[in-house]
Amino acid sequence: MEPQPARVESRLSAVPYSVQTLHPMFPYVALVKDKQWQPGPYPGVELMFLHKNEKTGGVAVLRKFHAGMTIPAHIHPEANEFVYVLSGEWEESGVTHSTGAFFFAPRGLAHGPHIAKTEVVSLTIFDGPLTVLNA
């Protein structure tokens, strides 16, 4: 029997969510100062949920990898992943990605392992539910 993907977005409902109406074009603003880091799907990974799309299950998160952590190869079976590195350096397949790097991992594509050479913070968007399976 194939293992079921771990659902991470369920933690979103436990996160205090600040909403401030500023303009009809922007129906809310998430304030990081009102958020807290939550445990991620692996030790040494923390997530700060910024937004959840109730229709698709997609989420926008800040993601923190602690320095020295290796995240094993994995798959996101239910969502495409879009990542922009805000700070730090991580290595994957002999390539170091650092501040300013952007990359995309299609739904179902195995990627990793990720090796955090320093603490890494990224803005990461999943266009469907944030689920993880080891590759």
Protein backbone atom coordinates (compact mmCIF):
# COMPACT_ATOMS: atom_id res chain seq x y z
CA MET A 1 0.00 0.00 0.00
CA GLU A 2 1.38 3.40 -1.03
CA PRO A 3 1.91 5.88 1.83
CA GLN A 4 -0.54 8.76 1.97
CA PRO A 5 0.88 12.25 1.51
CA ALA A 6 1.32 14.28 4.66
CA ARG A 7 -1.08 17.24 4.71
CA VAL A 8 0.61 20.34 6.00
CA GLU A 9 -1.96 23.03 5.27
CA SER A 10 -4.26 21.80 8.02
CA ARG A 11 -2.09 23.79 10.41
CA LEU A 12 -3.30 26.98 8.74
CA SER A 13 -6.56 26.99 10.66
CA ALA A 14 -4.63 27.16 13.94
CA VAL A 15 -2.61 30.20 12.83
CA PRO A 16 -3.93 33.63 13.85
CA TYR A 17 -4.76 35.49 10.64
CA SER A 18 -4.77 39.27 10.52
CA VAL A 19 -6.87 40.82 7.80
CA GLN A 20 -6.87 44.49 7.04
CA THR A 21 -9.03 45.87 4.24
CA LEU A 22 -7.09 48.48 2.32
CA HIS A 23 -8.62 48.65 -1.14
CA PRO A 24 -11.19 46.63 -3.11
CA MET A 25 -8.37 45.30 -5.29
CA PHE A 26 -6.57 43.95 -2.21
CA PRO A 27 -9.21 42.41 0.07
CA TYR A 28 -6.68 41.55 2.79
CA VAL A 29 -3.14 42.05 3.95
CA ALA A 30 -1.31 39.43 6.00
CA LEU A 31 1.01 41.02 8.53
CA VAL A 32 4.08 38.94 9.29
CA LYS A 33 4.41 40.59 12.69
CA ASP A 34 1.13 38.87 13.65
CA LYS A 35 2.19 35.42 12.42
CA GLN A 36 4.14 32.62 14.04
CA TRP A 37 6.47 29.99 12.62
CA GLN A 38 4.89 26.52 12.63
CA PRO A 39 6.66 23.14 12.39
CA GLY A 40 7.12 22.06 8.78
CA PRO A 41 6.92 18.60 7.23
CA TYR A 42 10.55 17.80 8.17
CA PRO A 43 12.72 18.55 11.22
CA GLY A 44 14.62 21.78 10.67
CA VAL A 45 11.89 23.30 8.48
CA GLU A 46 9.44 25.93 9.69
CA LEU A 47 6.48 27.45 7.85
CA MET A 48 4.70 30.76 8.27
CA PHE A 49 1.32 30.63 6.53
CA LEU A 50 0.45 33.91 4.80
CA HIS A 51 -2.61 32.93 2.78
CA LYS A 52 -4.78 29.96 1.88
CA ASN A 53 -7.04 29.76 -1.16
CA GLU A 54 -10.16 28.06 0.15
CA LYS A 55 -11.21 26.95 -3.35
CA THR A 56 -7.95 25.26 -4.42
CA GLY A 57 -6.28 24.54 -1.08
CA GLY A 58 -3.22 26.42 -2.36
CA VAL A 59 -1.07 28.29 0.14
CA ALA A 60 1.53 31.04 0.25
CA VAL A 61 4.10 30.49 2.97
CA LEU A 62 7.39 31.78 4.21
CA ARG A 63 9.59 28.73 4.61
CA LYS A 64 12.68 28.56 6.82
CA PHE A 65 15.35 25.85 6.52
CA HIS A 66 17.73 25.75 9.48
CA ALA A 67 21.43 25.84 8.59
CA GLY A 68 22.96 22.41 8.06
CA MET A 69 19.66 20.60 7.49
CA THR A 70 19.21 18.15 4.63
CA ILE A 71 15.67 17.73 3.38
CA PRO A 72 15.30 14.38 1.58
CA ALA A 73 14.14 14.05 -2.02
CA HIS A 74 10.37 14.43 -2.10
CA ILE A 75 7.29 15.02 -4.23
CA HIS A 76 4.36 17.41 -3.91
CA PRO A 77 1.65 15.23 -5.48
CA GLU A 78 -1.16 17.79 -5.34
CA ALA A 79 0.47 21.13 -6.20
CA ASN A 80 2.99 22.96 -8.33
CA GLU A 81 5.63 24.69 -6.20
CA PHE A 82 7.00 28.19 -6.89
CA VAL A 83 9.97 29.33 -4.79
CA TYR A 84 11.76 32.66 -4.44
CA VAL A 85 14.80 32.64 -2.14
CA LEU A 86 14.70 35.69 0.14
CA SER A 87 17.92 34.91 2.03
CA GLY A 88 20.52 32.20 2.49
CA GLU A 89 22.04 29.42 0.39
CA TRP A 90 20.96 25.88 -0.30
CA GLU A 91 22.45 23.22 -2.52
CA GLU A 92 20.61 20.78 -4.74
CA SER A 93 22.25 18.44 -7.27
CA GLY A 94 25.58 20.25 -6.88
CA VAL A 95 24.06 23.68 -7.62
CA THR A 96 23.90 26.38 -4.95
CA HIS A 97 20.77 28.54 -4.99
CA SER A 98 21.03 31.83 -3.09
CA THR A 99 19.21 35.10 -2.47
CA GLY A 100 17.28 36.15 -5.55
CA ALA A 101 16.94 32.69 -7.10
CA PHE A 102 13.51 31.64 -8.37
CA PHE A 103 12.52 28.14 -9.36
CA PHE A 104 9.51 26.00 -10.13
CA ALA A 105 8.85 22.33 -9.33
CA PRO A 106 5.91 20.84 -11.23
CA ARG A 107 3.31 18.77 -9.37
CA GLY A 108 4.52 15.18 -8.97
CA LEU A 109 8.18 15.87 -9.91
CA ALA A 110 10.72 14.50 -7.41
CA HIS A 111 13.19 17.14 -6.24
CA GLY A 112 15.85 17.36 -3.55
CA PRO A 113 17.61 16.58 -1.44
CA HIS A 114 17.97 20.21 -0.35
CA ILE A 115 21.02 20.98 1.77
CA ALA A 116 20.79 24.25 3.72
CA LYS A 117 24.32 25.67 3.68
CA THR A 118 23.07 28.60 5.77
CA GLU A 119 19.67 29.44 7.21
CA VAL A 120 17.40 29.84 4.18
CA VAL A 121 14.14 31.78 4.03
CA SER A 122 11.97 31.58 0.92
CA LEU A 123 8.58 32.77 -0.23
CA THR A 124 6.93 29.59 -1.49
CA ILE A 125 3.59 29.24 -3.22
CA PHE A 126 1.74 25.96 -3.76
CA ASP A 127 -1.21 26.19 -6.17
CA GLY A 128 -2.95 23.21 -4.55
CA PRO A 129 -2.87 21.51 -1.15
CA LEU A 130 0.59 21.37 0.45
CA THR A 131 1.21 17.65 0.66
CA VAL A 132 4.56 15.84 0.76
CA LEU A 133 5.65 12.31 -0.12
CA ASN A 134 9.21 11.03 0.16
CA ALA A 135 10.58 10.27 -3.31
